[in-house]
Amino acid sequence: MEEIIKGDLVTRLQAVKQNSGKSYNQIAQETGLTNVYVAQLFRRQAQLKPDTVPKLRAALPDLPEELLIQMVKPPLRSYDPNLIQDPTVYRLNEAVMHFGESIKEIINEEFGDGIMSAIDFYCSVDKVKGVDGKDRVVLTFDGKYLPYTEQKSEDMVSVSRIRPQGNQ
């Protein structure tokens, strides 16, 4: 099967979603995925796992087989560098930059020296009413904690295989 260019594939996937009349939240509920992961699938920023294909096919019966085949392949995860110019993306970046140091300090205080994974990671967007009755956006970043490793040469498997013990 001929490889489809990512931009063309995304355009076709977005058209299927649009024509279905379903929101990302609706597709997420029907597939058991998060709404952001569904959006990532339709932007080819995430891989559709084979076990989820039947659920997505049931949620979107008009999704062509050739697109499902492409969605199961590991994607080229990339983004348009001009994306930062979009006001929503710009504000998200601004919020992370503004609160980043404090978030990092709290992660270090609560967990130790380490980071939050963006691989073993869940993300969702929710809508709630604030105390003033106005709509509010809730972003949830749920990432596995990854501690930094103290790099002891004795624990480095490749070194012990390359250099025999005693020649370090």
N, C-alpha and C. Protein backbone atom coordinates (compact mmCIF):
# COMPACT_ATOMS: atom_id res chain seq x y z
N MET A 1 0.84 -1.18 0.00
CA MET A 1 0.00 0.00 0.00
C MET A 1 0.89 1.24 0.00
N GLU A 2 0.53 2.22 -0.79
CA GLU A 2 1.28 3.45 -0.89
C GLU A 2 1.16 4.25 0.40
N GLU A 3 2.30 4.82 0.81
CA GLU A 3 2.33 5.64 2.02
C GLU A 3 1.62 6.97 1.73
N ILE A 4 0.78 7.39 2.66
CA ILE A 4 0.05 8.64 2.51
C ILE A 4 0.83 9.74 3.23
N ILE A 5 0.98 10.89 2.60
CA ILE A 5 1.66 12.03 3.22
C ILE A 5 0.89 12.46 4.45
N LYS A 6 1.62 12.77 5.54
CA LYS A 6 0.98 13.07 6.82
C LYS A 6 -0.08 14.16 6.70
N GLY A 7 0.23 15.26 6.02
CA GLY A 7 -0.74 16.35 5.89
C GLY A 7 -2.02 15.91 5.21
N ASP A 8 -1.89 15.09 4.16
CA ASP A 8 -3.06 14.58 3.45
C ASP A 8 -3.86 13.64 4.34
N LEU A 9 -3.14 12.80 5.08
CA LEU A 9 -3.79 11.85 5.97
C LEU A 9 -4.58 12.59 7.06
N VAL A 10 -3.96 13.61 7.66
CA VAL A 10 -4.64 14.39 8.70
C VAL A 10 -5.88 15.07 8.13
N THR A 11 -5.77 15.61 6.94
CA THR A 11 -6.92 16.26 6.30
C THR A 11 -8.06 15.27 6.11
N ARG A 12 -7.74 14.07 5.66
CA ARG A 12 -8.77 13.05 5.44
C ARG A 12 -9.37 12.58 6.76
N LEU A 13 -8.52 12.39 7.79
CA LEU A 13 -9.02 11.97 9.10
C LEU A 13 -9.93 13.04 9.70
N GLN A 14 -9.53 14.29 9.59
CA GLN A 14 -10.35 15.39 10.11
C GLN A 14 -11.70 15.45 9.38
N ALA A 15 -11.69 15.17 8.08
CA ALA A 15 -12.94 15.18 7.31
C ALA A 15 -13.88 14.08 7.78
N VAL A 16 -13.35 12.89 8.07
CA VAL A 16 -14.18 11.79 8.57
C VAL A 16 -14.80 12.17 9.91
N LYS A 17 -14.00 12.75 10.79
CA LYS A 17 -14.51 13.17 12.10
C LYS A 17 -15.59 14.24 11.93
N GLN A 18 -15.29 15.23 11.10
CA GLN A 18 -16.25 16.32 10.86
C GLN A 18 -17.57 15.79 10.30
N ASN A 19 -17.48 14.91 9.32
CA ASN A 19 -18.68 14.34 8.69
C ASN A 19 -19.49 13.47 9.64
N SER A 20 -18.82 12.91 10.66
CA SER A 20 -19.53 12.07 11.63
C SER A 20 -20.43 12.92 12.53
N GLY A 21 -20.07 14.19 12.67
CA GLY A 21 -20.82 15.06 13.58
C GLY A 21 -20.49 14.83 15.05
N LYS A 22 -19.51 13.99 15.32
CA LYS A 22 -19.15 13.66 16.71
C LYS A 22 -18.01 14.53 17.19
N SER A 23 -18.03 14.82 18.48
CA SER A 23 -16.95 15.57 19.11
C SER A 23 -15.86 14.59 19.55
N TYR A 24 -14.71 15.16 19.89
CA TYR A 24 -13.64 14.31 20.44
C TYR A 24 -14.10 13.64 21.73
N ASN A 25 -14.88 14.34 22.53
CA ASN A 25 -15.40 13.76 23.77
C ASN A 25 -16.30 12.56 23.48
N GLN A 26 -17.16 12.67 22.48
CA GLN A 26 -18.05 11.55 22.14
C GLN A 26 -17.25 10.34 21.66
N ILE A 27 -16.29 10.59 20.79
CA ILE A 27 -15.45 9.48 20.28
C ILE A 27 -14.66 8.87 21.43
N ALA A 28 -14.17 9.72 22.33
CA ALA A 28 -13.42 9.23 23.49
C ALA A 28 -14.28 8.32 24.36
N GLN A 29 -15.51 8.73 24.62
CA GLN A 29 -16.41 7.92 25.43
C GLN A 29 -16.67 6.56 24.77
N GLU A 30 -16.82 6.56 23.46
CA GLU A 30 -17.14 5.33 22.74
C GLU A 30 -15.93 4.40 22.60
N THR A 31 -14.72 4.95 22.70
CA THR A 31 -13.52 4.13 22.52
C THR A 31 -12.80 3.83 23.83
N GLY A 32 -13.15 4.56 24.89
CA GLY A 32 -12.46 4.38 26.17
C GLY A 32 -11.12 5.11 26.23
N LEU A 33 -10.88 6.03 25.31
CA LEU A 33 -9.64 6.81 25.29
C LEU A 33 -9.91 8.20 25.88
N THR A 34 -8.85 8.95 26.15
CA THR A 34 -9.05 10.34 26.58
C THR A 34 -9.35 11.18 25.34
N ASN A 35 -10.01 12.32 25.57
CA ASN A 35 -10.36 13.20 24.45
C ASN A 35 -9.11 13.73 23.74
N VAL A 36 -8.06 14.02 24.49
CA VAL A 36 -6.83 14.52 23.86
C VAL A 36 -6.15 13.41 23.05
N TYR A 37 -6.18 12.19 23.54
CA TYR A 37 -5.57 11.09 22.78
C TYR A 37 -6.32 10.88 21.46
N VAL A 38 -7.63 10.98 21.50
CA VAL A 38 -8.41 10.87 20.25
C VAL A 38 -7.99 11.97 19.29
N ALA A 39 -7.87 13.20 19.78
CA ALA A 39 -7.44 14.30 18.93
C ALA A 39 -6.04 14.03 18.38
N GLN A 40 -5.17 13.47 19.21
CA GLN A 40 -3.82 13.13 18.76
C GLN A 40 -3.86 12.07 17.65
N LEU A 41 -4.76 11.11 17.78
CA LEU A 41 -4.91 10.10 16.73
C LEU A 41 -5.30 10.75 15.40
N PHE A 42 -6.21 11.71 15.46
CA PHE A 42 -6.70 12.35 14.24
C PHE A 42 -5.74 13.40 13.70
N ARG A 43 -4.68 13.69 14.44
CA ARG A 43 -3.61 14.57 13.97
C ARG A 43 -2.36 13.76 13.66
N ARG A 44 -2.43 12.44 13.79
CA ARG A 44 -1.31 11.51 13.58
C ARG A 44 -0.14 11.84 14.50
N GLN A 45 -0.48 12.17 15.73
CA GLN A 45 0.52 12.41 16.76
C GLN A 45 0.56 11.23 17.74
N ALA A 46 -0.33 10.26 17.56
CA ALA A 46 -0.38 9.07 18.40
C ALA A 46 -0.71 7.87 17.52
N GLN A 47 -0.35 6.70 18.00
CA GLN A 47 -0.59 5.46 17.26
C GLN A 47 -1.86 4.79 17.76
N LEU A 48 -2.71 4.39 16.83
CA LEU A 48 -3.90 3.60 17.16
C LEU A 48 -3.45 2.17 17.42
N LYS A 49 -3.73 1.68 18.60
CA LYS A 49 -3.33 0.32 18.96
C LYS A 49 -4.35 -0.67 18.37
N PRO A 50 -3.87 -1.83 17.92
CA PRO A 50 -4.76 -2.80 17.26
C PRO A 50 -6.00 -3.17 18.08
N ASP A 51 -5.87 -3.23 19.41
CA ASP A 51 -7.02 -3.58 20.25
C ASP A 51 -8.11 -2.52 20.22
N THR A 52 -7.75 -1.29 19.86
CA THR A 52 -8.70 -0.19 19.85
C THR A 52 -9.37 -0.01 18.49
N VAL A 53 -8.84 -0.66 17.46
CA VAL A 53 -9.39 -0.52 16.10
C VAL A 53 -10.89 -0.84 16.07
N PRO A 54 -11.34 -1.96 16.64
CA PRO A 54 -12.79 -2.25 16.58
C PRO A 54 -13.65 -1.18 17.24
N LYS A 55 -13.16 -0.61 18.34
CA LYS A 55 -13.92 0.43 19.03
C LYS A 55 -14.00 1.70 18.18
N LEU A 56 -12.90 2.06 17.53
CA LEU A 56 -12.91 3.25 16.69
C LEU A 56 -13.76 3.01 15.44
N ARG A 57 -13.67 1.81 14.91
CA ARG A 57 -14.49 1.46 13.74
C ARG A 57 -15.98 1.54 14.09
N ALA A 58 -16.35 1.10 15.30
CA ALA A 58 -17.75 1.18 15.74
C ALA A 58 -18.17 2.63 15.96
N ALA A 59 -17.26 3.44 16.48
CA ALA A 59 -17.58 4.85 16.74
C ALA A 59 -17.70 5.66 15.45
N LEU A 60 -16.87 5.28 14.46
CA LEU A 60 -16.84 5.99 13.17
C LEU A 60 -16.92 4.98 12.03
N PRO A 61 -18.10 4.46 11.75
CA PRO A 61 -18.23 3.41 10.73
C PRO A 61 -17.79 3.85 9.33
N ASP A 62 -17.76 5.16 9.06
CA ASP A 62 -17.34 5.65 7.75
C ASP A 62 -15.83 5.83 7.63
N LEU A 63 -15.08 5.49 8.67
CA LEU A 63 -13.62 5.61 8.62
C LEU A 63 -13.08 4.51 7.70
N PRO A 64 -12.49 4.88 6.55
CA PRO A 64 -12.03 3.88 5.59
C PRO A 64 -10.92 2.98 6.15
N GLU A 65 -10.92 1.75 5.71
CA GLU A 65 -9.92 0.77 6.14
C GLU A 65 -8.50 1.27 5.87
N GLU A 66 -8.29 1.91 4.72
CA GLU A 66 -6.94 2.39 4.40
C GLU A 66 -6.45 3.43 5.41
N LEU A 67 -7.36 4.22 5.97
CA LEU A 67 -6.96 5.19 6.99
C LEU A 67 -6.69 4.50 8.32
N LEU A 68 -7.49 3.51 8.65
CA LEU A 68 -7.24 2.73 9.86
C LEU A 68 -5.87 2.06 9.79
N ILE A 69 -5.52 1.53 8.64
CA ILE A 69 -4.21 0.88 8.46
C ILE A 69 -3.10 1.89 8.72
N GLN A 70 -3.26 3.11 8.22
CA GLN A 70 -2.26 4.16 8.44
C GLN A 70 -2.19 4.56 9.92
N MET A 71 -3.34 4.59 10.59
CA MET A 71 -3.38 5.01 11.98
C MET A 71 -2.71 4.01 12.92
N VAL A 72 -2.63 2.76 12.50
CA VAL A 72 -2.01 1.72 13.32
C VAL A 72 -0.48 1.77 13.22
N LYS A 73 0.03 2.40 12.17
CA LYS A 73 1.47 2.53 12.00
C LYS A 73 2.01 3.57 12.99
N PRO A 74 3.26 3.38 13.46
CA PRO A 74 3.84 4.42 14.32
C PRO A 74 3.91 5.74 13.56
N PRO A 75 3.42 6.82 14.17
CA PRO A 75 3.39 8.10 13.46
C PRO A 75 4.72 8.84 13.53
N LEU A 76 4.89 9.77 12.63
CA LEU A 76 5.99 10.73 12.73
C LEU A 76 5.43 11.87 13.58
N ARG A 77 5.85 11.91 14.83
CA ARG A 77 5.33 12.91 15.76
C ARG A 77 6.08 14.23 15.53
N SER A 78 5.39 15.16 14.96
CA SER A 78 6.00 16.44 14.64
C SER A 78 4.92 17.50 14.71
N TYR A 79 5.33 18.74 14.64
CA TYR A 79 4.34 19.82 14.63
C TYR A 79 4.87 20.97 13.78
N ASP A 80 3.97 21.79 13.36
CA ASP A 80 4.29 22.97 12.57
C ASP A 80 4.87 24.02 13.52
N PRO A 81 6.09 24.50 13.28
CA PRO A 81 6.68 25.49 14.18
C PRO A 81 5.86 26.78 14.28
N ASN A 82 5.00 27.04 13.30
CA ASN A 82 4.15 28.22 13.35
C ASN A 82 2.97 28.04 14.30
N LEU A 83 2.80 26.83 14.83
CA LEU A 83 1.70 26.53 15.73
C LEU A 83 1.69 27.46 16.95
N ILE A 84 2.87 27.90 17.39
CA ILE A 84 2.97 28.76 18.56
C ILE A 84 2.24 30.08 18.35
N GLN A 85 1.99 30.44 17.09
CA GLN A 85 1.30 31.69 16.80
C GLN A 85 -0.20 31.61 17.07
N ASP A 86 -0.73 30.40 17.17
CA ASP A 86 -2.15 30.25 17.50
C ASP A 86 -2.35 30.73 18.94
N PRO A 87 -3.34 31.60 19.17
CA PRO A 87 -3.52 32.15 20.52
C PRO A 87 -3.69 31.11 21.63
N THR A 88 -4.39 30.03 21.37
CA THR A 88 -4.57 29.01 22.41
C THR A 88 -3.24 28.34 22.73
N VAL A 89 -2.50 27.97 21.72
CA VAL A 89 -1.20 27.31 21.93
C VAL A 89 -0.23 28.29 22.58
N TYR A 90 -0.25 29.53 22.15
CA TYR A 90 0.62 30.55 22.75
C TYR A 90 0.32 30.68 24.24
N ARG A 91 -0.95 30.74 24.61
CA ARG A 91 -1.32 30.90 26.03
C ARG A 91 -0.96 29.66 26.85
N LEU A 92 -1.08 28.48 26.26
CA LEU A 92 -0.66 27.27 26.97
C LEU A 92 0.84 27.33 27.24
N ASN A 93 1.59 27.70 26.23
CA ASN A 93 3.03 27.82 26.39
C ASN A 93 3.36 28.87 27.45
N GLU A 94 2.66 29.99 27.40
CA GLU A 94 2.87 31.07 28.36
C GLU A 94 2.58 30.58 29.79
N ALA A 95 1.50 29.82 29.96
CA ALA A 95 1.14 29.31 31.28
C ALA A 95 2.22 28.37 31.81
N VAL A 96 2.71 27.48 30.95
CA VAL A 96 3.76 26.55 31.38
C VAL A 96 5.03 27.32 31.73
N MET A 97 5.38 28.30 30.92
CA MET A 97 6.58 29.09 31.20
C MET A 97 6.41 29.89 32.51
N HIS A 98 5.25 30.45 32.72
CA HIS A 98 5.00 31.26 33.92
C HIS A 98 5.00 30.42 35.19
N PHE A 99 4.33 29.27 35.14
CA PHE A 99 4.20 28.43 36.33
C PHE A 99 5.25 27.32 36.41
N GLY A 100 6.05 27.17 35.35
CA GLY A 100 6.98 26.04 35.24
C GLY A 100 7.94 25.86 36.39
N GLU A 101 8.58 26.95 36.82
CA GLU A 101 9.55 26.83 37.91
C GLU A 101 8.88 26.35 39.19
N SER A 102 7.71 26.89 39.47
CA SER A 102 6.99 26.49 40.69
C SER A 102 6.53 25.04 40.60
N ILE A 103 6.04 24.65 39.43
CA ILE A 103 5.61 23.25 39.24
C ILE A 103 6.81 22.32 39.43
N LYS A 104 7.95 22.68 38.84
CA LYS A 104 9.17 21.87 38.97
C LYS A 104 9.56 21.74 40.44
N GLU A 105 9.53 22.85 41.19
CA GLU A 105 9.89 22.81 42.61
C GLU A 105 8.97 21.88 43.39
N ILE A 106 7.69 21.94 43.09
CA ILE A 106 6.74 21.07 43.81
C ILE A 106 6.97 19.61 43.43
N ILE A 107 7.22 19.33 42.14
CA ILE A 107 7.54 17.95 41.74
C ILE A 107 8.76 17.46 42.50
N ASN A 108 9.81 18.28 42.56
CA ASN A 108 11.02 17.88 43.27
C ASN A 108 10.76 17.70 44.77
N GLU A 109 9.94 18.57 45.35
CA GLU A 109 9.62 18.48 46.77
C GLU A 109 8.81 17.21 47.08
N GLU A 110 7.86 16.90 46.23
CA GLU A 110 6.98 15.76 46.46
C GLU A 110 7.59 14.42 46.06
N PHE A 111 8.41 14.42 45.00
CA PHE A 111 8.92 13.16 44.44
C PHE A 111 10.42 13.00 44.54
N GLY A 112 11.15 14.09 44.55
CA GLY A 112 12.61 14.03 44.48
C GLY A 112 13.08 14.60 43.15
N ASP A 113 14.35 14.39 42.85
CA ASP A 113 14.94 14.93 41.63
C ASP A 113 14.51 14.08 40.44
N GLY A 114 13.64 14.63 39.61
CA GLY A 114 13.16 13.88 38.46
C GLY A 114 12.22 14.73 37.62
N ILE A 115 11.56 14.08 36.69
CA ILE A 115 10.68 14.76 35.74
C ILE A 115 9.38 13.98 35.55
N MET A 116 8.45 14.61 34.90
CA MET A 116 7.20 13.96 34.51
C MET A 116 7.38 13.46 33.07
N SER A 117 7.05 12.21 32.84
CA SER A 117 7.13 11.64 31.50
C SER A 117 6.08 12.26 30.59
N ALA A 118 6.45 12.47 29.34
CA ALA A 118 5.48 12.86 28.32
C ALA A 118 5.21 11.67 27.40
N ILE A 119 5.77 10.51 27.75
CA ILE A 119 5.54 9.27 27.00
C ILE A 119 4.48 8.45 27.74
N ASP A 120 4.74 8.12 29.01
CA ASP A 120 3.76 7.44 29.85
C ASP A 120 2.92 8.55 30.46
N PHE A 121 1.95 9.03 29.68
CA PHE A 121 1.32 10.31 29.94
C PHE A 121 -0.12 10.28 29.48
N TYR A 122 -0.99 10.84 30.29
CA TYR A 122 -2.39 10.99 29.93
C TYR A 122 -2.71 12.48 29.98
N CYS A 123 -3.55 12.91 29.06
CA CYS A 123 -3.92 14.31 29.02
C CYS A 123 -5.39 14.40 28.66
N SER A 124 -6.09 15.30 29.31
CA SER A 124 -7.50 15.50 28.97
C SER A 124 -7.85 16.97 29.14
N VAL A 125 -8.90 17.36 28.44
CA VAL A 125 -9.43 18.72 28.53
C VAL A 125 -10.89 18.59 28.97
N ASP A 126 -11.24 19.31 30.02
CA ASP A 126 -12.60 19.26 30.53
C ASP A 126 -13.14 20.67 30.70
N LYS A 127 -14.46 20.75 30.73
CA LYS A 127 -15.17 22.02 30.88
C LYS A 127 -15.95 21.97 32.19
N VAL A 128 -15.75 22.98 33.03
CA VAL A 128 -16.48 23.08 34.30
C VAL A 128 -17.00 24.50 34.45
N LYS A 129 -17.92 24.67 35.36
CA LYS A 129 -18.42 26.01 35.71
C LYS A 129 -17.63 26.50 36.92
N GLY A 130 -17.16 27.73 36.86
CA GLY A 130 -16.46 28.33 37.97
C GLY A 130 -17.44 28.78 39.03
N VAL A 131 -16.93 29.26 40.15
CA VAL A 131 -17.79 29.73 41.24
C VAL A 131 -18.63 30.92 40.79
N ASP A 132 -18.18 31.62 39.75
CA ASP A 132 -18.92 32.76 39.22
C ASP A 132 -19.91 32.34 38.13
N GLY A 133 -19.98 31.02 37.87
CA GLY A 133 -20.91 30.51 36.87
C GLY A 133 -20.38 30.54 35.44
N LYS A 134 -19.16 31.04 35.25
CA LYS A 134 -18.58 31.12 33.91
C LYS A 134 -17.83 29.84 33.58
N ASP A 135 -17.78 29.53 32.28
CA ASP A 135 -17.06 28.34 31.83
C ASP A 135 -15.57 28.46 32.11
N ARG A 136 -14.99 27.33 32.53
CA ARG A 136 -13.55 27.25 32.79
C ARG A 136 -13.00 26.01 32.10
N VAL A 137 -11.74 26.10 31.68
CA VAL A 137 -11.02 25.00 31.03
C VAL A 137 -10.17 24.30 32.09
N VAL A 138 -10.29 22.98 32.16
CA VAL A 138 -9.46 22.19 33.07
C VAL A 138 -8.57 21.30 32.21
N LEU A 139 -7.26 21.52 32.31
CA LEU A 139 -6.28 20.68 31.63
C LEU A 139 -5.67 19.74 32.65
N THR A 140 -5.67 18.46 32.35
CA THR A 140 -5.06 17.49 33.25
C THR A 140 -3.87 16.86 32.55
N PHE A 141 -2.70 17.00 33.16
CA PHE A 141 -1.48 16.32 32.71
C PHE A 141 -1.20 15.25 33.75
N ASP A 142 -1.25 14.01 33.36
CA ASP A 142 -1.08 12.88 34.26
C ASP A 142 0.08 12.05 33.73
N GLY A 143 1.29 12.36 34.21
CA GLY A 143 2.49 11.69 33.69
C GLY A 143 3.20 10.90 34.76
N LYS A 144 3.79 9.81 34.33
CA LYS A 144 4.59 8.98 35.24
C LYS A 144 5.80 9.77 35.72
N TYR A 145 6.13 9.62 36.98
CA TYR A 145 7.31 10.27 37.54
C TYR A 145 8.54 9.46 37.16
N LEU A 146 9.56 10.15 36.67
CA LEU A 146 10.82 9.50 36.28
C LEU A 146 11.96 10.13 37.07
N PRO A 147 12.53 9.40 38.03
CA PRO A 147 13.64 9.95 38.80
C PRO A 147 14.92 9.96 37.96
N TYR A 148 15.74 10.99 38.18
CA TYR A 148 17.05 10.99 37.55
C TYR A 148 17.89 9.90 38.20
N THR A 149 18.74 9.29 37.43
CA THR A 149 19.56 8.18 37.89
C THR A 149 20.96 8.66 38.25
N GLU A 150 21.43 8.24 39.40
CA GLU A 150 22.84 8.48 39.71
C GLU A 150 23.63 7.51 38.85
N GLN A 151 24.53 8.04 38.06
CA GLN A 151 25.20 7.23 37.05
C GLN A 151 26.46 6.58 37.60
N LYS A 152 26.29 5.42 38.21
CA LYS A 152 27.41 4.65 38.73
C LYS A 152 27.93 3.75 37.62
N SER A 153 29.22 3.77 37.41
CA SER A 153 29.80 2.97 36.32
C SER A 153 29.54 1.48 36.52
N GLU A 154 29.47 1.03 37.77
CA GLU A 154 29.23 -0.39 38.04
C GLU A 154 27.84 -0.85 37.59
N ASP A 155 26.90 0.11 37.46
CA ASP A 155 25.55 -0.23 37.03
C ASP A 155 25.36 -0.11 35.52
N MET A 156 26.38 0.38 34.83
CA MET A 156 26.27 0.61 33.39
C MET A 156 26.58 -0.69 32.66
N VAL A 157 25.55 -1.34 32.19
CA VAL A 157 25.68 -2.65 31.56
C VAL A 157 26.62 -2.61 30.35
N SER A 158 26.51 -1.59 29.53
CA SER A 158 27.33 -1.55 28.32
C SER A 158 28.81 -1.45 28.65
N VAL A 159 29.18 -0.72 29.70
CA VAL A 159 30.58 -0.59 30.07
C VAL A 159 31.12 -1.93 30.56
N SER A 160 30.34 -2.63 31.37
CA SER A 160 30.82 -3.90 31.90
C SER A 160 30.96 -4.95 30.80
N ARG A 161 30.24 -4.80 29.72
CA ARG A 161 30.38 -5.74 28.59
C ARG A 161 31.53 -5.35 27.68
N ILE A 162 31.82 -4.05 27.61
CA ILE A 162 32.88 -3.57 26.73
C ILE A 162 34.23 -3.72 27.41
N ARG A 163 34.30 -3.29 28.69
CA ARG A 163 35.55 -3.35 29.44
C ARG A 163 35.42 -4.41 30.52
N PRO A 164 36.27 -5.37 30.53
CA PRO A 164 36.23 -6.39 31.60
C PRO A 164 36.49 -5.74 32.96
N GLN A 165 35.89 -6.29 34.02
CA GLN A 165 36.08 -5.79 35.37
C GLN A 165 37.56 -5.69 35.66
N GLY A 166 37.96 -4.62 36.32
CA GLY A 166 39.36 -4.44 36.67
C GLY A 166 40.09 -3.55 35.66
N ASN A 167 39.54 -3.34 34.45
CA ASN A 167 40.18 -2.48 33.44
C ASN A 167 39.47 -1.13 33.34
N GLN A 168 38.83 -0.73 34.39
CA GLN A 168 38.08 0.52 34.35
C GLN A 168 38.97 1.61 34.75
